[in-house]
Amino acid sequence: MRAEAVPRELPVLARHWVCRYSDDVAGNGHKCCHSVTVLENGDRIFARSDSSTHNLVDGSDSKNGSRIAVSWIAGGNRTFHAIRSTLRHTCAFDPAHEYINGRTEGDYWFDE
């Protein structure tokens, strides 16, 4: 895709739909997510995510845990038809102490 076809201004988010399903027991296991991000101008971006969550139970009410996920942007319509990405997410959490620490990194590009 040529540089002049890439939007010059940041798009405005209008809606974000997510369909999640999981195969887990007590929060431990595999989860999958498909999402559609709809921008104010009608452009859409399609994505998928797979993750694994592990909760550590220590006998208290605390559910310390960690989550590892990989997400892919698989395209969209109009302006974003050629967008692609690979993102890696890691997260540690402890809901009893209102603690979440996450990190996301990755790359995105526009196919030609």
PDB file of N, CA and C in Angstrom:
ATOM      1  N   MET A   1       0.848  -1.163   0.000  1.00  0.00           N
ATOM      2  CA  MET A   1       0.000   0.000   0.000  1.00  0.00           C
ATOM      3  C   MET A   1       0.896   1.229   0.000  1.00  0.00           C
ATOM      4  N   ARG A   2       0.572   2.198  -0.805  1.00  0.00           N
ATOM      5  CA  ARG A   2       1.362   3.416  -0.884  1.00  0.00           C
ATOM      6  C   ARG A   2       1.096   4.293   0.330  1.00  0.00           C
ATOM      7  N   ALA A   3       2.091   5.062   0.735  1.00  0.00           N
ATOM      8  CA  ALA A   3       2.007   5.885   1.949  1.00  0.00           C
ATOM      9  C   ALA A   3       0.847   6.867   1.911  1.00  0.00           C
ATOM     10  N   GLU A   4       0.508   7.404   0.731  1.00  0.00           N
ATOM     11  CA  GLU A   4      -0.578   8.395   0.685  1.00  0.00           C
ATOM     12  C   GLU A   4      -1.954   7.781   0.964  1.00  0.00           C
ATOM     13  N   ALA A   5      -2.063   6.452   0.940  1.00  0.00           N
ATOM     14  CA  ALA A   5      -3.341   5.797   1.220  1.00  0.00           C
ATOM     15  C   ALA A   5      -3.566   5.594   2.721  1.00  0.00           C
ATOM     16  N   VAL A   6      -2.523   5.753   3.519  1.00  0.00           N
ATOM     17  CA  VAL A   6      -2.640   5.587   4.969  1.00  0.00           C
ATOM     18  C   VAL A   6      -3.264   6.853   5.557  1.00  0.00           C
ATOM     19  N   PRO A   7      -4.232   6.721   6.474  1.00  0.00           N
ATOM     20  CA  PRO A   7      -4.887   7.901   7.041  1.00  0.00           C
ATOM     21  C   PRO A   7      -3.898   8.848   7.715  1.00  0.00           C
ATOM     22  N   ARG A   8      -4.098  10.136   7.545  1.00  0.00           N
ATOM     23  CA  ARG A   8      -3.214  11.145   8.123  1.00  0.00           C
ATOM     24  C   ARG A   8      -3.632  11.509   9.541  1.00  0.00           C
ATOM     25  N   GLU A   9      -4.910  11.359   9.861  1.00  0.00           N
ATOM     26  CA  GLU A   9      -5.415  11.673  11.195  1.00  0.00           C
ATOM     27  C   GLU A   9      -5.797  10.370  11.889  1.00  0.00           C
ATOM     28  N   LEU A  10      -5.735  10.392  13.213  1.00  0.00           N
ATOM     29  CA  LEU A  10      -6.127   9.205  13.960  1.00  0.00           C
ATOM     30  C   LEU A  10      -7.626   8.973  13.824  1.00  0.00           C
ATOM     31  N   PRO A  11      -8.038   7.731  13.552  1.00  0.00           N
ATOM     32  CA  PRO A  11      -9.468   7.441  13.443  1.00  0.00           C
ATOM     33  C   PRO A  11     -10.135   7.477  14.812  1.00  0.00           C
ATOM     34  N   VAL A  12     -11.439   7.735  14.817  1.00  0.00           N
ATOM     35  CA  VAL A  12     -12.210   7.796  16.053  1.00  0.00           C
ATOM     36  C   VAL A  12     -12.990   6.499  16.212  1.00  0.00           C
ATOM     37  N   LEU A  13     -12.843   5.857  17.372  1.00  0.00           N
ATOM     38  CA  LEU A  13     -13.525   4.604  17.660  1.00  0.00           C
ATOM     39  C   LEU A  13     -15.009   4.853  17.886  1.00  0.00           C
ATOM     40  N   ALA A  14     -15.854   4.093  17.199  1.00  0.00           N
ATOM     41  CA  ALA A  14     -17.302   4.210  17.384  1.00  0.00           C
ATOM     42  C   ALA A  14     -17.837   3.030  18.198  1.00  0.00           C
ATOM     43  N   ARG A  15     -17.432   1.796  17.830  1.00  0.00           N
ATOM     44  CA  ARG A  15     -17.909   0.588  18.524  1.00  0.00           C
ATOM     45  C   ARG A  15     -16.819  -0.475  18.474  1.00  0.00           C
ATOM     46  N   HIS A  16     -16.896  -1.390  19.431  1.00  0.00           N
ATOM     47  CA  HIS A  16     -15.973  -2.516  19.446  1.00  0.00           C
ATOM     48  C   HIS A  16     -16.759  -3.740  19.891  1.00  0.00           C
ATOM     49  N   TRP A  17     -16.919  -4.717  18.994  1.00  0.00           N
ATOM     50  CA  TRP A  17     -17.658  -5.940  19.302  1.00  0.00           C
ATOM     51  C   TRP A  17     -16.663  -7.066  19.547  1.00  0.00           C
ATOM     52  N   VAL A  18     -16.946  -7.866  20.559  1.00  0.00           N
ATOM     53  CA  VAL A  18     -16.059  -8.977  20.902  1.00  0.00           C
ATOM     54  C   VAL A  18     -16.893 -10.229  21.135  1.00  0.00           C
ATOM     55  N   CYS A  19     -16.436 -11.343  20.575  1.00  0.00           N
ATOM     56  CA  CYS A  19     -17.032 -12.656  20.843  1.00  0.00           C
ATOM     57  C   CYS A  19     -15.940 -13.506  21.467  1.00  0.00           C
ATOM     58  N   ARG A  20     -16.145 -13.897  22.728  1.00  0.00           N
ATOM     59  CA  ARG A  20     -15.141 -14.687  23.442  1.00  0.00           C
ATOM     60  C   ARG A  20     -15.695 -16.065  23.768  1.00  0.00           C
ATOM     61  N   TYR A  21     -14.828 -17.047  23.749  1.00  0.00           N
ATOM     62  CA  TYR A  21     -15.197 -18.353  24.261  1.00  0.00           C
ATOM     63  C   TYR A  21     -13.984 -18.948  24.953  1.00  0.00           C
ATOM     64  N   SER A  22     -14.254 -19.849  25.899  1.00  0.00           N
ATOM     65  CA  SER A  22     -13.154 -20.406  26.671  1.00  0.00           C
ATOM     66  C   SER A  22     -13.385 -21.881  26.961  1.00  0.00           C
ATOM     67  N   ASP A  23     -12.301 -22.557  27.220  1.00  0.00           N
ATOM     68  CA  ASP A  23     -12.311 -23.949  27.642  1.00  0.00           C
ATOM     69  C   ASP A  23     -11.429 -23.996  28.885  1.00  0.00           C
ATOM     70  N   ASP A  24     -12.014 -23.616  30.021  1.00  0.00           N
ATOM     71  CA  ASP A  24     -11.217 -23.531  31.227  1.00  0.00           C
ATOM     72  C   ASP A  24     -11.977 -24.057  32.440  1.00  0.00           C
ATOM     73  N   VAL A  25     -11.237 -24.276  33.501  1.00  0.00           N
ATOM     74  CA  VAL A  25     -11.791 -24.698  34.779  1.00  0.00           C
ATOM     75  C   VAL A  25     -11.256 -23.725  35.830  1.00  0.00           C
ATOM     76  N   ALA A  26     -12.171 -23.066  36.539  1.00  0.00           N
ATOM     77  CA  ALA A  26     -11.803 -22.108  37.590  1.00  0.00           C
ATOM     78  C   ALA A  26     -10.854 -21.037  37.072  1.00  0.00           C
ATOM     79  N   GLY A  27     -11.062 -20.607  35.835  1.00  0.00           N
ATOM     80  CA  GLY A  27     -10.240 -19.548  35.259  1.00  0.00           C
ATOM     81  C   GLY A  27      -8.938 -20.000  34.647  1.00  0.00           C
ATOM     82  N   ASN A  28      -8.617 -21.282  34.723  1.00  0.00           N
ATOM     83  CA  ASN A  28      -7.387 -21.815  34.134  1.00  0.00           C
ATOM     84  C   ASN A  28      -7.703 -22.452  32.793  1.00  0.00           C
ATOM     85  N   GLY A  29      -6.950 -22.086  31.767  1.00  0.00           N
ATOM     86  CA  GLY A  29      -7.146 -22.738  30.486  1.00  0.00           C
ATOM     87  C   GLY A  29      -7.058 -21.800  29.298  1.00  0.00           C
ATOM     88  N   HIS A  30      -7.575 -22.280  28.185  1.00  0.00           N
ATOM     89  CA  HIS A  30      -7.501 -21.591  26.897  1.00  0.00           C
ATOM     90  C   HIS A  30      -8.707 -20.694  26.686  1.00  0.00           C
ATOM     91  N   LYS A  31      -8.469 -19.537  26.088  1.00  0.00           N
ATOM     92  CA  LYS A  31      -9.533 -18.614  25.705  1.00  0.00           C
ATOM     93  C   LYS A  31      -9.258 -18.117  24.291  1.00  0.00           C
ATOM     94  N   CYS A  32     -10.321 -17.858  23.559  1.00  0.00           N
ATOM     95  CA  CYS A  32     -10.195 -17.336  22.199  1.00  0.00           C
ATOM     96  C   CYS A  32     -11.160 -16.175  22.031  1.00  0.00           C
ATOM     97  N   CYS A  33     -10.797 -15.233  21.204  1.00  0.00           N
ATOM     98  CA  CYS A  33     -11.604 -14.027  21.028  1.00  0.00           C
ATOM     99  C   CYS A  33     -11.545 -13.594  19.567  1.00  0.00           C
ATOM    100  N   HIS A  34     -12.683 -13.215  19.027  1.00  0.00           N
ATOM    101  CA  HIS A  34     -12.766 -12.580  17.720  1.00  0.00           C
ATOM    102  C   HIS A  34     -13.364 -11.202  17.943  1.00  0.00           C
ATOM    103  N   SER A  35     -12.841 -10.198  17.266  1.00  0.00           N
ATOM    104  CA  SER A  35     -13.359  -8.847  17.483  1.00  0.00           C
ATOM    105  C   SER A  35     -13.477  -8.072  16.176  1.00  0.00           C
ATOM    106  N   VAL A  36     -14.387  -7.116  16.204  1.00  0.00           N
ATOM    107  CA  VAL A  36     -14.572  -6.166  15.102  1.00  0.00           C
ATOM    108  C   VAL A  36     -14.539  -4.775  15.721  1.00  0.00           C
ATOM    109  N   THR A  37     -13.613  -3.968  15.268  1.00  0.00           N
ATOM    110  CA  THR A  37     -13.532  -2.574  15.694  1.00  0.00           C
ATOM    111  C   THR A  37     -14.144  -1.733  14.592  1.00  0.00           C
ATOM    112  N   VAL A  38     -15.145  -0.938  14.931  1.00  0.00           N
ATOM    113  CA  VAL A  38     -15.819  -0.078  13.959  1.00  0.00           C
ATOM    114  C   VAL A  38     -15.437   1.365  14.264  1.00  0.00           C
ATOM    115  N   LEU A  39     -14.909   2.036  13.264  1.00  0.00           N
ATOM    116  CA  LEU A  39     -14.519   3.431  13.428  1.00  0.00           C
ATOM    117  C   LEU A  39     -15.669   4.350  13.038  1.00  0.00           C
ATOM    118  N   GLU A  40     -15.574   5.597  13.464  1.00  0.00           N
ATOM    119  CA  GLU A  40     -16.655   6.558  13.241  1.00  0.00           C
ATOM    120  C   GLU A  40     -17.013   6.721  11.760  1.00  0.00           C
ATOM    121  N   ASN A  41     -16.022   6.577  10.870  1.00  0.00           N
ATOM    122  CA  ASN A  41     -16.275   6.738   9.438  1.00  0.00           C
ATOM    123  C   ASN A  41     -16.787   5.456   8.774  1.00  0.00           C
ATOM    124  N   GLY A  42     -17.003   4.379   9.558  1.00  0.00           N
ATOM    125  CA  GLY A  42     -17.513   3.124   9.021  1.00  0.00           C
ATOM    126  C   GLY A  42     -16.454   2.092   8.710  1.00  0.00           C
ATOM    127  N   ASP A  43     -15.175   2.462   8.753  1.00  0.00           N
ATOM    128  CA  ASP A  43     -14.106   1.488   8.547  1.00  0.00           C
ATOM    129  C   ASP A  43     -14.150   0.439   9.659  1.00  0.00           C
ATOM    130  N   ARG A  44     -13.775  -0.787   9.309  1.00  0.00           N
ATOM    131  CA  ARG A  44     -13.766  -1.888  10.276  1.00  0.00           C
ATOM    132  C   ARG A  44     -12.408  -2.570  10.254  1.00  0.00           C
ATOM    133  N   ILE A  45     -12.012  -3.072  11.432  1.00  0.00           N
ATOM    134  CA  ILE A  45     -10.770  -3.828  11.575  1.00  0.00           C
ATOM    135  C   ILE A  45     -11.130  -5.136  12.271  1.00  0.00           C
ATOM    136  N   PHE A  46     -10.659  -6.271  11.694  1.00  0.00           N
ATOM    137  CA  PHE A  46     -10.989  -7.592  12.204  1.00  0.00           C
ATOM    138  C   PHE A  46      -9.769  -8.199  12.893  1.00  0.00           C
ATOM    139  N   ALA A  47      -9.978  -8.787  14.085  1.00  0.00           N
ATOM    140  CA  ALA A  47      -8.861  -9.346  14.841  1.00  0.00           C
ATOM    141  C   ALA A  47      -9.250 -10.654  15.521  1.00  0.00           C
ATOM    142  N   ARG A  48      -8.231 -11.410  15.902  1.00  0.00           N
ATOM    143  CA  ARG A  48      -8.416 -12.659  16.646  1.00  0.00           C
ATOM    144  C   ARG A  48      -7.333 -12.735  17.707  1.00  0.00           C
ATOM    145  N   SER A  49      -7.663 -13.341  18.844  1.00  0.00           N
ATOM    146  CA  SER A  49      -6.710 -13.489  19.935  1.00  0.00           C
ATOM    147  C   SER A  49      -6.861 -14.873  20.557  1.00  0.00           C
ATOM    148  N   ASP A  50      -5.738 -15.493  20.889  1.00  0.00           N
ATOM    149  CA  ASP A  50      -5.713 -16.747  21.642  1.00  0.00           C
ATOM    150  C   ASP A  50      -4.912 -16.511  22.907  1.00  0.00           C
ATOM    151  N   SER A  51      -5.407 -17.030  24.034  1.00  0.00           N
ATOM    152  CA  SER A  51      -4.679 -16.819  25.287  1.00  0.00           C
ATOM    153  C   SER A  51      -4.783 -18.030  26.194  1.00  0.00           C
ATOM    154  N   SER A  52      -3.879 -18.049  27.160  1.00  0.00           N
ATOM    155  CA  SER A  52      -3.878 -19.072  28.195  1.00  0.00           C
ATOM    156  C   SER A  52      -3.760 -18.362  29.534  1.00  0.00           C
ATOM    157  N   THR A  53      -4.629 -18.726  30.472  1.00  0.00           N
ATOM    158  CA  THR A  53      -4.631 -18.104  31.788  1.00  0.00           C
ATOM    159  C   THR A  53      -4.346 -19.163  32.846  1.00  0.00           C
ATOM    160  N   HIS A  54      -3.532 -18.775  33.826  1.00  0.00           N
ATOM    161  CA  HIS A  54      -3.187 -19.678  34.922  1.00  0.00           C
ATOM    162  C   HIS A  54      -3.391 -18.938  36.238  1.00  0.00           C
ATOM    163  N   ASN A  55      -4.321 -19.413  37.062  1.00  0.00           N
ATOM    164  CA  ASN A  55      -4.568 -18.840  38.379  1.00  0.00           C
ATOM    165  C   ASN A  55      -3.874 -19.678  39.436  1.00  0.00           C
ATOM    166  N   LEU A  56      -3.210 -19.013  40.368  1.00  0.00           N
ATOM    167  CA  LEU A  56      -2.541 -19.687  41.478  1.00  0.00           C
ATOM    168  C   LEU A  56      -3.431 -19.562  42.709  1.00  0.00           C
ATOM    169  N   VAL A  57      -3.872 -20.668  43.239  1.00  0.00           N
ATOM    170  CA  VAL A  57      -4.721 -20.651  44.422  1.00  0.00           C
ATOM    171  C   VAL A  57      -3.852 -21.018  45.620  1.00  0.00           C
ATOM    172  N   ASP A  58      -3.801 -20.118  46.609  1.00  0.00           N
ATOM    173  CA  ASP A  58      -2.919 -20.336  47.759  1.00  0.00           C
ATOM    174  C   ASP A  58      -3.681 -20.577  49.062  1.00  0.00           C
ATOM    175  N   GLY A  59      -4.964 -20.914  48.989  1.00  0.00           N
ATOM    176  CA  GLY A  59      -5.758 -21.160  50.182  1.00  0.00           C
ATOM    177  C   GLY A  59      -6.500 -19.938  50.681  1.00  0.00           C
ATOM    178  N   SER A  60      -6.109 -18.760  50.239  1.00  0.00           N
ATOM    179  CA  SER A  60      -6.832 -17.537  50.613  1.00  0.00           C
ATOM    180  C   SER A  60      -7.831 -17.216  49.507  1.00  0.00           C
ATOM    181  N   ASP A  61      -8.480 -16.064  49.616  1.00  0.00           N
ATOM    182  CA  ASP A  61      -9.417 -15.643  48.573  1.00  0.00           C
ATOM    183  C   ASP A  61      -8.698 -15.067  47.359  1.00  0.00           C
ATOM    184  N   SER A  62      -7.401 -14.899  47.454  1.00  0.00           N
ATOM    185  CA  SER A  62      -6.624 -14.318  46.367  1.00  0.00           C
ATOM    186  C   SER A  62      -6.561 -15.288  45.193  1.00  0.00           C
ATOM    187  N   LYS A  63      -6.629 -14.750  43.999  1.00  0.00           N
ATOM    188  CA  LYS A  63      -6.491 -15.552  42.786  1.00  0.00           C
ATOM    189  C   LYS A  63      -5.389 -14.936  41.937  1.00  0.00           C
ATOM    190  N   ASN A  64      -4.172 -14.960  42.446  1.00  0.00           N
ATOM    191  CA  ASN A  64      -3.042 -14.471  41.664  1.00  0.00           C
ATOM    192  C   ASN A  64      -2.982 -15.269  40.373  1.00  0.00           C
ATOM    193  N   GLY A  65      -2.576 -14.613  39.321  1.00  0.00           N
ATOM    194  CA  GLY A  65      -2.522 -15.351  38.077  1.00  0.00           C
ATOM    195  C   GLY A  65      -1.697 -14.664  37.024  1.00  0.00           C
ATOM    196  N   SER A  66      -1.616 -15.319  35.892  1.00  0.00           N
ATOM    197  CA  SER A  66      -0.909 -14.756  34.752  1.00  0.00           C
ATOM    198  C   SER A  66      -1.664 -15.117  33.480  1.00  0.00           C
ATOM    199  N   ARG A  67      -1.465 -14.302  32.466  1.00  0.00           N
ATOM    200  CA  ARG A  67      -2.121 -14.509  31.178  1.00  0.00           C
ATOM    201  C   ARG A  67      -1.110 -14.239  30.091  1.00  0.00           C
ATOM    202  N   ILE A  68      -1.068 -15.107  29.104  1.00  0.00           N
ATOM    203  CA  ILE A  68      -0.232 -14.922  27.922  1.00  0.00           C
ATOM    204  C   ILE A  68      -1.153 -15.012  26.713  1.00  0.00           C
ATOM    205  N   ALA A  69      -1.025 -14.058  25.799  1.00  0.00           N
ATOM    206  CA  ALA A  69      -1.908 -14.051  24.627  1.00  0.00           C
ATOM    207  C   ALA A  69      -1.142 -13.613  23.382  1.00  0.00           C
ATOM    208  N   VAL A  70      -1.657 -14.043  22.251  1.00  0.00           N
ATOM    209  CA  VAL A  70      -1.173 -13.591  20.947  1.00  0.00           C
ATOM    210  C   VAL A  70      -2.388 -13.126  20.164  1.00  0.00           C
ATOM    211  N   SER A  71      -2.276 -11.955  19.556  1.00  0.00           N
ATOM    212  CA  SER A  71      -3.369 -11.399  18.752  1.00  0.00           C
ATOM    213  C   SER A  71      -2.892 -11.152  17.331  1.00  0.00           C
ATOM    214  N   TRP A  72      -3.822 -11.282  16.411  1.00  0.00           N
ATOM    215  CA  TRP A  72      -3.541 -11.002  15.006  1.00  0.00           C
ATOM    216  C   TRP A  72      -4.620 -10.083  14.460  1.00  0.00           C
ATOM    217  N   ILE A  73      -4.222  -9.034  13.787  1.00  0.00           N
ATOM    218  CA  ILE A  73      -5.172  -8.252  13.000  1.00  0.00           C
ATOM    219  C   ILE A  73      -5.122  -8.845  11.600  1.00  0.00           C
ATOM    220  N   ALA A  74      -6.284  -9.225  11.093  1.00  0.00           N
ATOM    221  CA  ALA A  74      -6.346  -9.964   9.836  1.00  0.00           C
ATOM    222  C   ALA A  74      -6.926  -9.147   8.696  1.00  0.00           C
ATOM    223  N   GLY A  75      -7.030  -7.842   8.861  1.00  0.00           N
ATOM    224  CA  GLY A  75      -7.538  -7.002   7.788  1.00  0.00           C
ATOM    225  C   GLY A  75      -8.726  -6.196   8.239  1.00  0.00           C
ATOM    226  N   GLY A  76      -9.414  -5.665   7.274  1.00  0.00           N
ATOM    227  CA  GLY A  76     -10.573  -4.831   7.540  1.00  0.00           C
ATOM    228  C   GLY A  76     -11.256  -4.493   6.233  1.00  0.00           C
ATOM    229  N   ASN A  77     -12.004  -3.419   6.233  1.00  0.00           N
ATOM    230  CA  ASN A  77     -12.612  -2.969   4.991  1.00  0.00           C
ATOM    231  C   ASN A  77     -12.034  -1.601   4.627  1.00  0.00           C
ATOM    232  N   ARG A  78     -12.295  -1.175   3.454  1.00  0.00           N
ATOM    233  CA  ARG A  78     -11.887   0.133   2.930  1.00  0.00           C
ATOM    234  C   ARG A  78     -10.432   0.470   3.277  1.00  0.00           C
ATOM    235  N   THR A  79     -10.207   1.502   4.055  1.00  0.00           N
ATOM    236  CA  THR A  79      -8.860   1.978   4.344  1.00  0.00           C
ATOM    237  C   THR A  79      -7.986   0.901   4.981  1.00  0.00           C
ATOM    238  N   PHE A  80      -8.580   0.031   5.772  1.00  0.00           N
ATOM    239  CA  PHE A  80      -7.810  -0.944   6.536  1.00  0.00           C
ATOM    240  C   PHE A  80      -7.852  -2.354   5.943  1.00  0.00           C
ATOM    241  N   HIS A  81      -8.200  -2.489   4.660  1.00  0.00           N
ATOM    242  CA  HIS A  81      -8.298  -3.823   4.060  1.00  0.00           C
ATOM    243  C   HIS A  81      -6.959  -4.564   4.070  1.00  0.00           C
ATOM    244  N   ALA A  82      -5.850  -3.852   4.082  1.00  0.00           N
ATOM    245  CA  ALA A  82      -4.538  -4.493   3.988  1.00  0.00           C
ATOM    246  C   ALA A  82      -3.762  -4.486   5.310  1.00  0.00           C
ATOM    247  N   ILE A  83      -4.401  -4.069   6.416  1.00  0.00           N
ATOM    248  CA  ILE A  83      -3.673  -4.025   7.689  1.00  0.00           C
ATOM    249  C   ILE A  83      -3.485  -5.439   8.241  1.00  0.00           C
ATOM    250  N   ARG A  84      -2.310  -5.677   8.800  1.00  0.00           N
ATOM    251  CA  ARG A  84      -1.974  -6.949   9.430  1.00  0.00           C
ATOM    252  C   ARG A  84      -1.173  -6.630  10.689  1.00  0.00           C
ATOM    253  N   SER A  85      -1.201  -7.546  11.667  1.00  0.00           N
ATOM    254  CA  SER A  85      -0.374  -7.353  12.854  1.00  0.00           C
ATOM    255  C   SER A  85      -0.179  -8.663  13.587  1.00  0.00           C
ATOM    256  N   THR A  86       0.837  -8.683  14.406  1.00  0.00           N
ATOM    257  CA  THR A  86       1.051  -9.737  15.389  1.00  0.00           C
ATOM    258  C   THR A  86       1.408  -9.023  16.686  1.00  0.00           C
ATOM    259  N   LEU A  87       0.624  -9.287  17.726  1.00  0.00           N
ATOM    260  CA  LEU A  87       0.846  -8.660  19.028  1.00  0.00           C
ATOM    261  C   LEU A  87       1.004  -9.749  20.081  1.00  0.00           C
ATOM    262  N   ARG A  88       1.880  -9.525  21.034  1.00  0.00           N
ATOM    263  CA  ARG A  88       2.094 -10.441  22.143  1.00  0.00           C
ATOM    264  C   ARG A  88       1.740  -9.715  23.438  1.00  0.00           C
ATOM    265  N   HIS A  89       0.935 -10.366  24.274  1.00  0.00           N
ATOM    266  CA  HIS A  89       0.469  -9.769  25.523  1.00  0.00           C
ATOM    267  C   HIS A  89       0.893 -10.658  26.684  1.00  0.00           C
ATOM    268  N   THR A  90       1.362 -10.061  27.766  1.00  0.00           N
ATOM    269  CA  THR A  90       1.596 -10.771  29.019  1.00  0.00           C
ATOM    270  C   THR A  90       0.969  -9.951  30.134  1.00  0.00           C
ATOM    271  N   CYS A  91       0.468 -10.623  31.140  1.00  0.00           N
ATOM    272  CA  CYS A  91      -0.211  -9.924  32.222  1.00  0.00           C
ATOM    273  C   CYS A  91      -0.104 -10.747  33.503  1.00  0.00           C
ATOM    274  N   ALA A  92       0.182 -10.075  34.606  1.00  0.00           N
ATOM    275  CA  ALA A  92       0.120 -10.687  35.940  1.00  0.00           C
ATOM    276  C   ALA A  92      -0.980  -9.960  36.704  1.00  0.00           C
ATOM    277  N   PHE A  93      -1.743 -10.708  37.501  1.00  0.00           N
ATOM    278  CA  PHE A  93      -2.858 -10.063  38.193  1.00  0.00           C
ATOM    279  C   PHE A  93      -3.114 -10.688  39.559  1.00  0.00           C
ATOM    280  N   ASP A  94      -3.724  -9.883  40.411  1.00  0.00           N
ATOM    281  CA  ASP A  94      -4.169 -10.308  41.733  1.00  0.00           C
ATOM    282  C   ASP A  94      -5.400  -9.477  42.070  1.00  0.00           C
ATOM    283  N   PRO A  95      -6.601  -9.968  41.746  1.00  0.00           N
ATOM    284  CA  PRO A  95      -7.820  -9.185  41.952  1.00  0.00           C
ATOM    285  C   PRO A  95      -8.055  -8.793  43.413  1.00  0.00           C
ATOM    286  N   ALA A  96      -7.634  -9.629  44.363  1.00  0.00           N
ATOM    287  CA  ALA A  96      -7.864  -9.316  45.775  1.00  0.00           C
ATOM    288  C   ALA A  96      -7.129  -8.051  46.206  1.00  0.00           C
ATOM    289  N   HIS A  97      -6.005  -7.762  45.566  1.00  0.00           N
ATOM    290  CA  HIS A  97      -5.228  -6.573  45.896  1.00  0.00           C
ATOM    291  C   HIS A  97      -5.320  -5.501  44.809  1.00  0.00           C
ATOM    292  N   GLU A  98      -6.300  -5.646  43.894  1.00  0.00           N
ATOM    293  CA  GLU A  98      -6.525  -4.702  42.795  1.00  0.00           C
ATOM    294  C   GLU A  98      -5.243  -4.430  42.008  1.00  0.00           C
ATOM    295  N   TYR A  99      -4.543  -5.517  41.674  1.00  0.00           N
ATOM    296  CA  TYR A  99      -3.263  -5.410  40.990  1.00  0.00           C
ATOM    297  C   TYR A  99      -3.349  -6.045  39.611  1.00  0.00           C
ATOM    298  N   ILE A 100      -2.930  -5.272  38.611  1.00  0.00           N
ATOM    299  CA  ILE A 100      -2.774  -5.789  37.245  1.00  0.00           C
ATOM    300  C   ILE A 100      -1.534  -5.127  36.661  1.00  0.00           C
ATOM    301  N   ASN A 101      -0.679  -5.930  36.059  1.00  0.00           N
ATOM    302  CA  ASN A 101       0.500  -5.395  35.395  1.00  0.00           C
ATOM    303  C   ASN A 101       0.629  -6.113  34.062  1.00  0.00           C
ATOM    304  N   GLY A 102       0.431  -5.380  32.972  1.00  0.00           N
ATOM    305  CA  GLY A 102       0.447  -6.001  31.659  1.00  0.00           C
ATOM    306  C   GLY A 102       1.380  -5.303  30.699  1.00  0.00           C
ATOM    307  N   ARG A 103       1.727  -6.014  29.653  1.00  0.00           N
ATOM    308  CA  ARG A 103       2.596  -5.469  28.616  1.00  0.00           C
ATOM    309  C   ARG A 103       2.153  -6.040  27.278  1.00  0.00           C
ATOM    310  N   THR A 104       2.095  -5.178  26.273  1.00  0.00           N
ATOM    311  CA  THR A 104       1.774  -5.592  24.904  1.00  0.00           C
ATOM    312  C   THR A 104       2.847  -5.037  23.986  1.00  0.00           C
ATOM    313  N   GLU A 105       3.330  -5.885  23.101  1.00  0.00           N
ATOM    314  CA  GLU A 105       4.286  -5.428  22.095  1.00  0.00           C
ATOM    315  C   GLU A 105       4.028  -6.173  20.802  1.00  0.00           C
ATOM    316  N   GLY A 106       4.441  -5.590  19.713  1.00  0.00           N
ATOM    317  CA  GLY A 106       4.241  -6.247  18.437  1.00  0.00           C
ATOM    318  C   GLY A 106       4.463  -5.312  17.277  1.00  0.00           C
ATOM    319  N   ASP A 107       4.040  -5.758  16.128  1.00  0.00           N
ATOM    320  CA  ASP A 107       4.237  -5.016  14.889  1.00  0.00           C
ATOM    321  C   ASP A 107       2.945  -5.009  14.090  1.00  0.00           C
ATOM    322  N   TYR A 108       2.744  -3.956  13.320  1.00  0.00           N
ATOM    323  CA  TYR A 108       1.653  -3.950  12.348  1.00  0.00           C
ATOM    324  C   TYR A 108       2.196  -3.411  11.040  1.00  0.00           C
ATOM    325  N   TRP A 109       1.523  -3.764   9.965  1.00  0.00           N
ATOM    326  CA  TRP A 109       1.960  -3.335   8.643  1.00  0.00           C
ATOM    327  C   TRP A 109       0.763  -3.357   7.709  1.00  0.00           C
ATOM    328  N   PHE A 110       0.949  -2.759   6.551  1.00  0.00           N
ATOM    329  CA  PHE A 110      -0.062  -2.776   5.486  1.00  0.00           C
ATOM    330  C   PHE A 110       0.501  -3.587   4.324  1.00  0.00           C
ATOM    331  N   ASP A 111      -0.193  -4.676   3.972  1.00  0.00           N
ATOM    332  CA  ASP A 111       0.212  -5.458   2.796  1.00  0.00           C
ATOM    333  C   ASP A 111       0.027  -4.616   1.547  1.00  0.00           C
ATOM    334  N   GLU A 112       0.806  -4.944   0.548  1.00  0.00           N
ATOM    335  CA  GLU A 112       0.663  -4.213  -0.719  1.00  0.00           C
ATOM    336  C   GLU A 112      -0.350  -4.864  -1.609  1.00  0.00           C
TER     337      GLU A 112
END
